[in-house]
């Protein structure tokens, strides 16, 4: 009986310890924000990152997914380093987030900033967006073959608009031209603050083509002011873009994603990351989010923190190879 009682005692003690352990884990999982949340965006109002941030904010608040107010803070400039510097000023605070994109990787490789993707907490990848090659509606260029032929005949005859050097749109343009036998380092590239500004420039005849994001050009494509001649997607799109061939269809094996994601400051706990992963999973499951993806011709792909971190590791290695070939690594 004494032996049995002893075993019973230790069994009860072990059970109690497990309950306490589970309670601690549960307490961590139950973390939630207790002050206003800021979503920082590196683009000005109306830019593509800003649209993503405001869509997240709108759904979070309308669906009451978080118990505190959520605001969007615009901090453009510095090739998207200013918004991330603001994030770094709030270490381990899960009330501050930034809309991340591939400049998080390319800026470090090019020596623009010491900010490395590992200096932040990967929360979730939300969207893939592909580069559209757009010309004025009356342009004699109708496809990538026309573009390459014109550059080979007269390399000085064209100027290209992009929103930042080393970004996905610039890399897609550079790699496509390299695949077509054009030295991308000799392209006349004009950098604009936003894709919208570059579209205005192409419509005014100041530049001949824009390598830009889908949301920034889709309105003018529908209006007939500009025309898309190629897209860097992995497959042809639907709707108004259904007639636009991919680069791969035109014999240029290039496809890069200008992804959009949510990143937090360094030092967030697993409980904090888990909370925001779940909130964002609910955001992307709403009809409003799905309708916005369709309207903007965005490719929705949701990756949680661990998968997103692994994705960036591979993206860093691949982007470094591309930028090295372009002579842009410092």
C-alpha atoms as a PDB file:
ATOM      1  CA  UNK A   1       0.000   0.000   0.000  1.00  0.00           C
ATOM      2  CA  UNK A   2       2.826   2.399   0.857  1.00  0.00           C
ATOM      3  CA  UNK A   3       4.477   1.711  -2.511  1.00  0.00           C
ATOM      4  CA  UNK A   4       1.206   2.260  -4.282  1.00  0.00           C
ATOM      5  CA  UNK A   5       0.661   5.473  -2.351  1.00  0.00           C
ATOM      6  CA  UNK A   6       4.154   6.648  -3.289  1.00  0.00           C
ATOM      7  CA  UNK A   7       3.532   5.949  -6.965  1.00  0.00           C
ATOM      8  CA  UNK A   8       0.213   7.717  -6.713  1.00  0.00           C
ATOM      9  CA  UNK A   9       1.933  10.741  -5.150  1.00  0.00           C
ATOM     10  CA  UNK A  10       4.530  10.993  -7.908  1.00  0.00           C
ATOM     11  CA  UNK A  11       1.911  10.444 -10.556  1.00  0.00           C
ATOM     12  CA  UNK A  12      -0.131  13.291  -9.131  1.00  0.00           C
ATOM     13  CA  UNK A  13       2.964  15.466  -8.871  1.00  0.00           C
ATOM     14  CA  UNK A  14       3.868  14.761 -12.504  1.00  0.00           C
ATOM     15  CA  UNK A  15       0.318  15.479 -13.594  1.00  0.00           C
ATOM     16  CA  UNK A  16       0.421  18.760 -11.706  1.00  0.00           C
ATOM     17  CA  UNK A  17       3.683  19.727 -13.358  1.00  0.00           C
ATOM     18  CA  UNK A  18       2.258  18.972 -16.782  1.00  0.00           C
ATOM     19  CA  UNK A  19      -0.771  21.097 -16.035  1.00  0.00           C
ATOM     20  CA  UNK A  20       1.470  23.976 -14.942  1.00  0.00           C
ATOM     21  CA  UNK A  21       3.587  23.533 -18.066  1.00  0.00           C
ATOM     22  CA  UNK A  22       0.513  23.489 -20.270  1.00  0.00           C
ATOM     23  CA  UNK A  23      -0.776  26.559 -18.470  1.00  0.00           C
ATOM     24  CA  UNK A  24       2.432  28.417 -19.214  1.00  0.00           C
ATOM     25  CA  UNK A  25       2.316  27.413 -22.881  1.00  0.00           C
ATOM     26  CA  UNK A  26      -1.335  28.401 -23.023  1.00  0.00           C
ATOM     27  CA  UNK A  27      -0.506  31.750 -21.479  1.00  0.00           C
ATOM     28  CA  UNK A  28       2.097  32.364 -24.166  1.00  0.00           C
ATOM     29  CA  UNK A  29      -0.299  31.379 -26.928  1.00  0.00           C
ATOM     30  CA  UNK A  30      -2.902  33.736 -25.481  1.00  0.00           C
ATOM     31  CA  UNK A  31      -0.760  36.853 -26.053  1.00  0.00           C
ATOM     32  CA  UNK A  32      -2.640  39.688 -27.689  1.00  0.00           C
ATOM     33  CA  UNK A  33      -1.925  43.370 -28.363  1.00  0.00           C
ATOM     34  CA  UNK A  34      -2.719  45.788 -25.576  1.00  0.00           C
ATOM     35  CA  UNK A  35      -2.015  49.109 -27.306  1.00  0.00           C
ATOM     36  CA  UNK A  36      -2.595  50.572 -30.819  1.00  0.00           C
ATOM     37  CA  UNK A  37      -0.884  48.749 -33.682  1.00  0.00           C
ATOM     38  CA  UNK A  38       1.004  50.516 -36.485  1.00  0.00           C
ATOM     39  CA  UNK A  39       1.505  49.078 -39.950  1.00  0.00           C
ATOM     40  CA  UNK A  40       4.364  51.009 -41.525  1.00  0.00           C
ATOM     41  CA  UNK A  41       4.654  51.243 -45.282  1.00  0.00           C
ATOM     42  CA  UNK A  42       7.597  52.437 -47.348  1.00  0.00           C
ATOM     43  CA  UNK A  43       5.391  53.867 -50.113  1.00  0.00           C
ATOM     44  CA  UNK A  44       3.420  57.093 -50.174  1.00  0.00           C
ATOM     45  CA  UNK A  45      -0.367  57.056 -50.044  1.00  0.00           C
ATOM     46  CA  UNK A  46      -1.691  55.194 -53.082  1.00  0.00           C
ATOM     47  CA  UNK A  47       1.468  53.174 -53.672  1.00  0.00           C
ATOM     48  CA  UNK A  48       1.285  49.398 -53.914  1.00  0.00           C
ATOM     49  CA  UNK A  49       2.672  48.763 -50.423  1.00  0.00           C
ATOM     50  CA  UNK A  50       0.295  51.375 -49.033  1.00  0.00           C
ATOM     51  CA  UNK A  51      -2.678  49.628 -50.664  1.00  0.00           C
ATOM     52  CA  UNK A  52      -1.693  46.327 -49.072  1.00  0.00           C
ATOM     53  CA  UNK A  53      -1.265  47.942 -45.655  1.00  0.00           C
ATOM     54  CA  UNK A  54      -4.613  49.718 -45.799  1.00  0.00           C
ATOM     55  CA  UNK A  55      -6.390  46.585 -46.969  1.00  0.00           C
ATOM     56  CA  UNK A  56      -5.005  44.657 -43.998  1.00  0.00           C
ATOM     57  CA  UNK A  57      -5.978  47.495 -41.661  1.00  0.00           C
ATOM     58  CA  UNK A  58      -9.494  47.722 -43.069  1.00  0.00           C
ATOM     59  CA  UNK A  59     -10.212  44.003 -42.756  1.00  0.00           C
ATOM     60  CA  UNK A  60      -8.710  43.756 -39.266  1.00  0.00           C
ATOM     61  CA  UNK A  61     -10.937  46.529 -38.023  1.00  0.00           C
ATOM     62  CA  UNK A  62     -14.142  45.707 -39.906  1.00  0.00           C
ATOM     63  CA  UNK A  63     -13.937  42.040 -38.958  1.00  0.00           C
ATOM     64  CA  UNK A  64     -12.849  42.920 -35.394  1.00  0.00           C
ATOM     65  CA  UNK A  65      -9.870  40.583 -35.641  1.00  0.00           C
ATOM     66  CA  UNK A  66      -7.817  42.561 -33.119  1.00  0.00           C
ATOM     67  CA  UNK A  67      -8.912  44.242 -29.856  1.00  0.00           C
ATOM     68  CA  UNK A  68      -7.013  47.511 -30.445  1.00  0.00           C
ATOM     69  CA  UNK A  69      -6.965  50.257 -33.111  1.00  0.00           C
ATOM     70  CA  UNK A  70      -4.787  49.655 -36.189  1.00  0.00           C
ATOM     71  CA  UNK A  71      -3.291  52.542 -38.176  1.00  0.00           C
ATOM     72  CA  UNK A  72      -1.123  52.864 -41.289  1.00  0.00           C
ATOM     73  CA  UNK A  73       1.985  55.045 -41.148  1.00  0.00           C
ATOM     74  CA  UNK A  74       3.621  56.136 -44.424  1.00  0.00           C
ATOM     75  CA  UNK A  75       7.412  56.482 -44.303  1.00  0.00           C
ATOM     76  CA  UNK A  76       8.630  56.618 -47.913  1.00  0.00           C
ATOM     77  CA  UNK A  77      12.230  57.216 -48.896  1.00  0.00           C
ATOM     78  CA  UNK A  78      15.678  55.715 -48.653  1.00  0.00           C
ATOM     79  CA  UNK A  79      14.807  52.947 -51.114  1.00  0.00           C
ATOM     80  CA  UNK A  80      12.454  51.564 -48.462  1.00  0.00           C
ATOM     81  CA  UNK A  81      14.995  51.662 -45.655  1.00  0.00           C
ATOM     82  CA  UNK A  82      13.335  54.436 -43.617  1.00  0.00           C
ATOM     83  CA  UNK A  83      10.254  52.412 -42.754  1.00  0.00           C
ATOM     84  CA  UNK A  84      12.450  49.536 -41.630  1.00  0.00           C
ATOM     85  CA  UNK A  85      14.626  51.847 -39.533  1.00  0.00           C
ATOM     86  CA  UNK A  86      11.421  52.900 -37.777  1.00  0.00           C
ATOM     87  CA  UNK A  87      10.672  49.245 -37.144  1.00  0.00           C
ATOM     88  CA  UNK A  88      14.151  48.687 -35.735  1.00  0.00           C
ATOM     89  CA  UNK A  89      13.515  51.507 -33.271  1.00  0.00           C
ATOM     90  CA  UNK A  90      10.867  49.293 -31.637  1.00  0.00           C
ATOM     91  CA  UNK A  91      12.707  46.007 -30.935  1.00  0.00           C
ATOM     92  CA  UNK A  92      10.703  43.085 -29.537  1.00  0.00           C
ATOM     93  CA  UNK A  93       7.475  45.115 -29.745  1.00  0.00           C
ATOM     94  CA  UNK A  94       4.713  43.202 -31.538  1.00  0.00           C
ATOM     95  CA  UNK A  95       2.661  46.347 -32.095  1.00  0.00           C
ATOM     96  CA  UNK A  96       4.777  47.550 -35.047  1.00  0.00           C
ATOM     97  CA  UNK A  97       4.964  45.981 -38.506  1.00  0.00           C
ATOM     98  CA  UNK A  98       6.178  46.799 -41.985  1.00  0.00           C
ATOM     99  CA  UNK A  99       5.012  45.686 -45.415  1.00  0.00           C
ATOM    100  CA  UNK A 100       8.095  43.844 -46.607  1.00  0.00           C
ATOM    101  CA  UNK A 101       9.085  43.158 -50.204  1.00  0.00           C
ATOM    102  CA  UNK A 102      12.200  41.949 -52.066  1.00  0.00           C
ATOM    103  CA  UNK A 103      14.152  45.156 -51.346  1.00  0.00           C
ATOM    104  CA  UNK A 104      14.544  43.656 -47.873  1.00  0.00           C
ATOM    105  CA  UNK A 105      16.960  41.299 -49.610  1.00  0.00           C
ATOM    106  CA  UNK A 106      18.380  43.273 -52.543  1.00  0.00           C
ATOM    107  CA  UNK A 107      19.209  46.429 -50.550  1.00  0.00           C
ATOM    108  CA  UNK A 108      21.572  44.485 -48.321  1.00  0.00           C
ATOM    109  CA  UNK A 109      23.242  42.671 -51.211  1.00  0.00           C
ATOM    110  CA  UNK A 110      23.817  45.957 -53.070  1.00  0.00           C
ATOM    111  CA  UNK A 111      25.240  47.640 -49.985  1.00  0.00           C
ATOM    112  CA  UNK A 112      22.465  50.232 -49.826  1.00  0.00           C
ATOM    113  CA  UNK A 113      21.830  49.418 -46.183  1.00  0.00           C
ATOM    114  CA  UNK A 114      23.237  47.141 -43.478  1.00  0.00           C
ATOM    115  CA  UNK A 115      19.655  46.016 -42.810  1.00  0.00           C
ATOM    116  CA  UNK A 116      19.531  42.244 -43.355  1.00  0.00           C
ATOM    117  CA  UNK A 117      16.318  40.240 -43.481  1.00  0.00           C
ATOM    118  CA  UNK A 118      17.467  38.429 -40.335  1.00  0.00           C
ATOM    119  CA  UNK A 119      17.370  41.780 -38.494  1.00  0.00           C
ATOM    120  CA  UNK A 120      13.587  41.499 -38.553  1.00  0.00           C
ATOM    121  CA  UNK A 121      10.975  38.916 -37.656  1.00  0.00           C
ATOM    122  CA  UNK A 122       9.303  37.229 -40.619  1.00  0.00           C
ATOM    123  CA  UNK A 123       5.581  37.007 -39.845  1.00  0.00           C
ATOM    124  CA  UNK A 124       3.814  35.981 -43.064  1.00  0.00           C
ATOM    125  CA  UNK A 125       4.065  36.236 -46.850  1.00  0.00           C
ATOM    126  CA  UNK A 126       0.752  37.337 -48.378  1.00  0.00           C
ATOM    127  CA  UNK A 127       1.028  38.186 -52.077  1.00  0.00           C
ATOM    128  CA  UNK A 128       3.020  37.514 -55.226  1.00  0.00           C
ATOM    129  CA  UNK A 129       3.081  40.260 -57.846  1.00  0.00           C
ATOM    130  CA  UNK A 130       4.764  40.093 -61.239  1.00  0.00           C
ATOM    131  CA  UNK A 131       6.345  42.721 -63.467  1.00  0.00           C
ATOM    132  CA  UNK A 132       4.414  44.063 -66.454  1.00  0.00           C
ATOM    133  CA  UNK A 133       6.243  45.569 -69.432  1.00  0.00           C
ATOM    134  CA  UNK A 134       4.060  48.488 -70.529  1.00  0.00           C
ATOM    135  CA  UNK A 135       4.300  50.891 -73.457  1.00  0.00           C
ATOM    136  CA  UNK A 136       2.137  53.746 -74.716  1.00  0.00           C
ATOM    137  CA  UNK A 137      -0.940  52.640 -76.649  1.00  0.00           C
ATOM    138  CA  UNK A 138       0.451  53.926 -79.961  1.00  0.00           C
ATOM    139  CA  UNK A 139       3.906  52.358 -79.489  1.00  0.00           C
ATOM    140  CA  UNK A 140       5.246  50.295 -82.425  1.00  0.00           C
ATOM    141  CA  UNK A 141       6.375  47.650 -79.896  1.00  0.00           C
ATOM    142  CA  UNK A 142       3.932  44.729 -79.606  1.00  0.00           C
ATOM    143  CA  UNK A 143       5.983  42.043 -77.909  1.00  0.00           C
ATOM    144  CA  UNK A 144       9.338  41.245 -76.332  1.00  0.00           C
ATOM    145  CA  UNK A 145      10.804  40.314 -79.717  1.00  0.00           C
ATOM    146  CA  UNK A 146      10.067  43.832 -81.018  1.00  0.00           C
ATOM    147  CA  UNK A 147      11.657  45.317 -77.897  1.00  0.00           C
ATOM    148  CA  UNK A 148      14.883  43.349 -78.227  1.00  0.00           C
ATOM    149  CA  UNK A 149      15.116  44.025 -81.964  1.00  0.00           C
ATOM    150  CA  UNK A 150      14.792  47.759 -81.390  1.00  0.00           C
ATOM    151  CA  UNK A 151      17.476  47.775 -78.699  1.00  0.00           C
ATOM    152  CA  UNK A 152      19.864  45.794 -80.879  1.00  0.00           C
ATOM    153  CA  UNK A 153      19.306  48.245 -83.729  1.00  0.00           C
ATOM    154  CA  UNK A 154      19.579  51.371 -81.552  1.00  0.00           C
ATOM    155  CA  UNK A 155      20.412  50.913 -77.849  1.00  0.00           C
ATOM    156  CA  UNK A 156      19.967  54.650 -77.208  1.00  0.00           C
ATOM    157  CA  UNK A 157      16.412  54.757 -78.576  1.00  0.00           C
ATOM    158  CA  UNK A 158      14.682  53.689 -75.390  1.00  0.00           C
ATOM    159  CA  UNK A 159      14.439  54.737 -71.761  1.00  0.00           C
ATOM    160  CA  UNK A 160      12.882  52.465 -69.136  1.00  0.00           C
ATOM    161  CA  UNK A 161      11.058  53.495 -66.001  1.00  0.00           C
ATOM    162  CA  UNK A 162      11.370  51.580 -62.710  1.00  0.00           C
ATOM    163  CA  UNK A 163      10.568  52.516 -59.117  1.00  0.00           C
ATOM    164  CA  UNK A 164      13.932  51.434 -57.653  1.00  0.00           C
ATOM    165  CA  UNK A 165      17.218  49.982 -58.793  1.00  0.00           C
ATOM    166  CA  UNK A 166      17.733  46.376 -57.757  1.00  0.00           C
ATOM    167  CA  UNK A 167      14.025  45.866 -57.113  1.00  0.00           C
ATOM    168  CA  UNK A 168      12.063  43.044 -58.717  1.00  0.00           C
ATOM    169  CA  UNK A 169      10.863  45.144 -61.656  1.00  0.00           C
ATOM    170  CA  UNK A 170      14.398  46.287 -62.462  1.00  0.00           C
ATOM    171  CA  UNK A 171      15.777  42.759 -62.051  1.00  0.00           C
ATOM    172  CA  UNK A 172      13.056  41.284 -64.264  1.00  0.00           C
ATOM    173  CA  UNK A 173      13.812  43.859 -66.967  1.00  0.00           C
ATOM    174  CA  UNK A 174      17.576  43.307 -66.688  1.00  0.00           C
ATOM    175  CA  UNK A 175      17.405  39.519 -66.767  1.00  0.00           C
ATOM    176  CA  UNK A 176      14.925  39.540 -69.665  1.00  0.00           C
ATOM    177  CA  UNK A 177      17.214  41.775 -71.721  1.00  0.00           C
ATOM    178  CA  UNK A 178      20.246  39.663 -70.860  1.00  0.00           C
ATOM    179  CA  UNK A 179      18.373  36.557 -72.018  1.00  0.00           C
ATOM    180  CA  UNK A 180      17.654  38.392 -75.273  1.00  0.00           C
ATOM    181  CA  UNK A 181      21.303  39.214 -75.889  1.00  0.00           C
ATOM    182  CA  UNK A 182      21.228  42.807 -74.589  1.00  0.00           C
ATOM    183  CA  UNK A 183      23.743  44.004 -71.991  1.00  0.00           C
ATOM    184  CA  UNK A 184      21.466  45.142 -69.144  1.00  0.00           C
ATOM    185  CA  UNK A 185      24.176  47.391 -67.735  1.00  0.00           C
ATOM    186  CA  UNK A 186      23.844  49.595 -70.815  1.00  0.00           C
ATOM    187  CA  UNK A 187      20.074  50.134 -70.526  1.00  0.00           C
ATOM    188  CA  UNK A 188      18.891  53.713 -69.994  1.00  0.00           C
ATOM    189  CA  UNK A 189      16.962  53.277 -66.756  1.00  0.00           C
ATOM    190  CA  UNK A 190      15.097  56.152 -65.097  1.00  0.00           C
ATOM    191  CA  UNK A 191      14.160  55.733 -61.431  1.00  0.00           C
ATOM    192  CA  UNK A 192      10.837  57.185 -60.269  1.00  0.00           C
ATOM    193  CA  UNK A 193       9.494  57.469 -56.726  1.00  0.00           C
ATOM    194  CA  UNK A 194       6.465  55.333 -57.626  1.00  0.00           C
ATOM    195  CA  UNK A 195       5.306  53.122 -60.479  1.00  0.00           C
ATOM    196  CA  UNK A 196       2.397  55.526 -60.979  1.00  0.00           C
ATOM    197  CA  UNK A 197       4.833  58.352 -61.820  1.00  0.00           C
ATOM    198  CA  UNK A 198       6.608  56.186 -64.382  1.00  0.00           C
ATOM    199  CA  UNK A 199       3.284  55.376 -66.076  1.00  0.00           C
ATOM    200  CA  UNK A 200       2.551  59.106 -66.352  1.00  0.00           C
ATOM    201  CA  UNK A 201       5.975  59.548 -67.940  1.00  0.00           C
ATOM    202  CA  UNK A 202       5.405  56.830 -70.534  1.00  0.00           C
ATOM    203  CA  UNK A 203       2.001  58.262 -71.431  1.00  0.00           C
ATOM    204  CA  UNK A 204       3.657  61.665 -71.905  1.00  0.00           C
ATOM    205  CA  UNK A 205       6.308  60.183 -74.186  1.00  0.00           C
ATOM    206  CA  UNK A 206       9.173  61.020 -71.810  1.00  0.00           C
ATOM    207  CA  UNK A 207      10.188  57.365 -71.576  1.00  0.00           C
ATOM    208  CA  UNK A 208       9.337  54.465 -73.873  1.00  0.00           C
ATOM    209  CA  UNK A 209       8.525  51.636 -71.471  1.00  0.00           C
ATOM    210  CA  UNK A 210       7.753  50.899 -67.845  1.00  0.00           C
ATOM    211  CA  UNK A 211       8.702  47.754 -65.971  1.00  0.00           C
ATOM    212  CA  UNK A 212       6.166  48.112 -63.198  1.00  0.00           C
ATOM    213  CA  UNK A 213       3.691  46.507 -60.871  1.00  0.00           C
ATOM    214  CA  UNK A 214       0.295  45.274 -62.001  1.00  0.00           C
ATOM    215  CA  UNK A 215      -1.841  47.514 -59.737  1.00  0.00           C
ATOM    216  CA  UNK A 216      -0.060  50.648 -60.952  1.00  0.00           C
ATOM    217  CA  UNK A 217      -0.740  49.936 -64.647  1.00  0.00           C
ATOM    218  CA  UNK A 218      -4.016  48.017 -64.731  1.00  0.00           C
ATOM    219  CA  UNK A 219      -6.185  51.157 -64.644  1.00  0.00           C
ATOM    220  CA  UNK A 220      -4.430  52.738 -67.646  1.00  0.00           C
ATOM    221  CA  UNK A 221      -4.456  49.429 -69.500  1.00  0.00           C
ATOM    222  CA  UNK A 222      -8.230  49.221 -69.066  1.00  0.00           C
ATOM    223  CA  UNK A 223      -8.545  52.860 -70.163  1.00  0.00           C
ATOM    224  CA  UNK A 224      -6.534  52.126 -73.325  1.00  0.00           C
ATOM    225  CA  UNK A 225      -3.827  54.707 -72.537  1.00  0.00           C
ATOM    226  CA  UNK A 226      -1.060  52.100 -72.331  1.00  0.00           C
ATOM    227  CA  UNK A 227      -0.549  48.562 -73.569  1.00  0.00           C
ATOM    228  CA  UNK A 228       1.178  45.586 -71.938  1.00  0.00           C
ATOM    229  CA  UNK A 229       3.542  43.604 -74.167  1.00  0.00           C
ATOM    230  CA  UNK A 230       4.793  41.023 -71.655  1.00  0.00           C
ATOM    231  CA  UNK A 231       4.460  39.886 -68.071  1.00  0.00           C
ATOM    232  CA  UNK A 232       7.023  38.163 -65.865  1.00  0.00           C
ATOM    233  CA  UNK A 233       4.501  35.715 -64.388  1.00  0.00           C
ATOM    234  CA  UNK A 234       4.894  31.956 -64.422  1.00  0.00           C
ATOM    235  CA  UNK A 235       1.665  31.604 -66.399  1.00  0.00           C
ATOM    236  CA  UNK A 236      -0.697  33.770 -68.436  1.00  0.00           C
ATOM    237  CA  UNK A 237      -3.192  35.789 -66.433  1.00  0.00           C
ATOM    238  CA  UNK A 238      -6.961  36.028 -66.858  1.00  0.00           C
ATOM    239  CA  UNK A 239      -9.370  38.905 -67.427  1.00  0.00           C
ATOM    240  CA  UNK A 240      -8.098  42.064 -69.092  1.00  0.00           C
ATOM    241  CA  UNK A 241      -4.557  40.621 -69.119  1.00  0.00           C
ATOM    242  CA  UNK A 242      -5.506  37.326 -70.769  1.00  0.00           C
ATOM    243  CA  UNK A 243      -4.097  38.412 -74.151  1.00  0.00           C
ATOM    244  CA  UNK A 244      -0.704  39.403 -72.727  1.00  0.00           C
ATOM    245  CA  UNK A 245       1.922  36.663 -73.167  1.00  0.00           C
ATOM    246  CA  UNK A 246       4.430  35.833 -70.448  1.00  0.00           C
ATOM    247  CA  UNK A 247       8.135  36.317 -71.044  1.00  0.00           C
ATOM    248  CA  UNK A 248       8.504  32.542 -71.042  1.00  0.00           C
ATOM    249  CA  UNK A 249       5.951  32.223 -73.823  1.00  0.00           C
ATOM    250  CA  UNK A 250       8.121  34.611 -75.834  1.00  0.00           C
ATOM    251  CA  UNK A 251      11.246  32.522 -75.359  1.00  0.00           C
ATOM    252  CA  UNK A 252      12.643  34.431 -72.361  1.00  0.00           C
ATOM    253  CA  UNK A 253      12.879  32.142 -69.357  1.00  0.00           C
ATOM    254  CA  UNK A 254      12.575  34.797 -66.643  1.00  0.00           C
ATOM    255  CA  UNK A 255      10.060  35.039 -63.809  1.00  0.00           C
ATOM    256  CA  UNK A 256      10.512  36.908 -60.545  1.00  0.00           C
ATOM    257  CA  UNK A 257       7.993  37.672 -57.815  1.00  0.00           C
ATOM    258  CA  UNK A 258       7.617  41.088 -56.228  1.00  0.00           C
ATOM    259  CA  UNK A 259       6.138  39.591 -53.074  1.00  0.00           C
ATOM    260  CA  UNK A 260       4.422  41.464 -50.269  1.00  0.00           C
ATOM    261  CA  UNK A 261       4.700  40.307 -46.694  1.00  0.00           C
ATOM    262  CA  UNK A 262       4.378  41.392 -43.088  1.00  0.00           C
ATOM    263  CA  UNK A 263       7.567  41.694 -41.062  1.00  0.00           C
ATOM    264  CA  UNK A 264       8.024  42.741 -37.451  1.00  0.00           C
ATOM    265  CA  UNK A 265      10.955  44.034 -35.422  1.00  0.00           C
ATOM    266  CA  UNK A 266      13.589  41.595 -34.248  1.00  0.00           C
ATOM    267  CA  UNK A 267      12.964  39.741 -31.010  1.00  0.00           C
ATOM    268  CA  UNK A 268       9.285  38.865 -31.261  1.00  0.00           C
ATOM    269  CA  UNK A 269       8.349  35.790 -29.210  1.00  0.00           C
ATOM    270  CA  UNK A 270       6.819  32.632 -30.723  1.00  0.00           C
ATOM    271  CA  UNK A 271       3.550  33.522 -28.984  1.00  0.00           C
ATOM    272  CA  UNK A 272       3.482  36.977 -30.571  1.00  0.00           C
ATOM    273  CA  UNK A 273       4.352  35.623 -34.006  1.00  0.00           C
ATOM    274  CA  UNK A 274       1.721  32.904 -33.646  1.00  0.00           C
ATOM    275  CA  UNK A 275      -0.924  35.465 -32.746  1.00  0.00           C
ATOM    276  CA  UNK A 276      -0.248  37.587 -35.840  1.00  0.00           C
ATOM    277  CA  UNK A 277       0.094  34.552 -38.113  1.00  0.00           C
ATOM    278  CA  UNK A 278      -3.422  33.523 -37.118  1.00  0.00           C
ATOM    279  CA  UNK A 279      -4.837  37.028 -37.521  1.00  0.00           C
ATOM    280  CA  UNK A 280      -3.324  37.356 -41.003  1.00  0.00           C
ATOM    281  CA  UNK A 281      -4.551  33.879 -41.947  1.00  0.00           C
ATOM    282  CA  UNK A 282      -8.053  35.115 -41.134  1.00  0.00           C
ATOM    283  CA  UNK A 283      -7.468  38.311 -43.140  1.00  0.00           C
ATOM    284  CA  UNK A 284      -6.525  36.412 -46.308  1.00  0.00           C
ATOM    285  CA  UNK A 285      -9.481  34.043 -45.922  1.00  0.00           C
ATOM    286  CA  UNK A 286     -12.054  36.862 -46.166  1.00  0.00           C
ATOM    287  CA  UNK A 287     -14.040  37.486 -49.338  1.00  0.00           C
ATOM    288  CA  UNK A 288     -12.949  41.117 -49.258  1.00  0.00           C
ATOM    289  CA  UNK A 289      -9.281  40.122 -49.455  1.00  0.00           C
ATOM    290  CA  UNK A 290      -9.925  37.589 -52.214  1.00  0.00           C
ATOM    291  CA  UNK A 291     -11.909  40.156 -54.210  1.00  0.00           C
ATOM    292  CA  UNK A 292      -9.051  42.633 -53.873  1.00  0.00           C
ATOM    293  CA  UNK A 293      -6.593  40.027 -55.160  1.00  0.00           C
ATOM    294  CA  UNK A 294      -8.787  39.531 -58.224  1.00  0.00           C
ATOM    295  CA  UNK A 295      -9.208  43.285 -58.758  1.00  0.00           C
ATOM    296  CA  UNK A 296      -5.463  43.938 -58.559  1.00  0.00           C
ATOM    297  CA  UNK A 297      -4.463  40.767 -60.428  1.00  0.00           C
ATOM    298  CA  UNK A 298      -2.422  39.692 -57.407  1.00  0.00           C
ATOM    299  CA  UNK A 299      -1.440  36.094 -56.811  1.00  0.00           C
ATOM    300  CA  UNK A 300      -2.298  35.229 -53.215  1.00  0.00           C
ATOM    301  CA  UNK A 301       0.057  32.799 -51.518  1.00  0.00           C
ATOM    302  CA  UNK A 302       0.120  32.629 -47.752  1.00  0.00           C
ATOM    303  CA  UNK A 303       3.279  31.468 -46.003  1.00  0.00           C
ATOM    304  CA  UNK A 304       3.597  31.384 -42.234  1.00  0.00           C
ATOM    305  CA  UNK A 305       6.684  32.612 -40.412  1.00  0.00           C
ATOM    306  CA  UNK A 306       8.836  29.479 -40.681  1.00  0.00           C
ATOM    307  CA  UNK A 307       8.033  28.914 -44.371  1.00  0.00           C
ATOM    308  CA  UNK A 308       8.505  32.601 -45.144  1.00  0.00           C
ATOM    309  CA  UNK A 309      11.928  32.608 -43.437  1.00  0.00           C
ATOM    310  CA  UNK A 310      13.014  29.610 -45.526  1.00  0.00           C
ATOM    311  CA  UNK A 311      11.667  31.347 -48.636  1.00  0.00           C
ATOM    312  CA  UNK A 312      13.805  34.434 -47.927  1.00  0.00           C
ATOM    313  CA  UNK A 313      16.911  32.318 -47.384  1.00  0.00           C
ATOM    314  CA  UNK A 314      16.537  30.886 -50.892  1.00  0.00           C
ATOM    315  CA  UNK A 315      15.566  34.269 -52.319  1.00  0.00           C
ATOM    316  CA  UNK A 316      18.691  35.889 -50.866  1.00  0.00           C
ATOM    317  CA  UNK A 317      20.974  33.339 -52.507  1.00  0.00           C
ATOM    318  CA  UNK A 318      19.222  33.585 -55.890  1.00  0.00           C
ATOM    319  CA  UNK A 319      19.095  37.391 -55.865  1.00  0.00           C
ATOM    320  CA  UNK A 320      22.787  37.629 -55.002  1.00  0.00           C
ATOM    321  CA  UNK A 321      23.612  35.589 -58.106  1.00  0.00           C
ATOM    322  CA  UNK A 322      21.488  37.887 -60.292  1.00  0.00           C
ATOM    323  CA  UNK A 323      22.900  41.114 -58.874  1.00  0.00           C
ATOM    324  CA  UNK A 324      26.462  39.791 -59.108  1.00  0.00           C
ATOM    325  CA  UNK A 325      25.927  39.141 -62.810  1.00  0.00           C
ATOM    326  CA  UNK A 326      24.633  42.694 -63.190  1.00  0.00           C
ATOM    327  CA  UNK A 327      27.685  44.094 -61.400  1.00  0.00           C
ATOM    328  CA  UNK A 328      25.536  45.610 -58.651  1.00  0.00           C
ATOM    329  CA  UNK A 329      26.968  43.849 -55.597  1.00  0.00           C
ATOM    330  CA  UNK A 330      29.026  46.013 -53.245  1.00  0.00           C
END
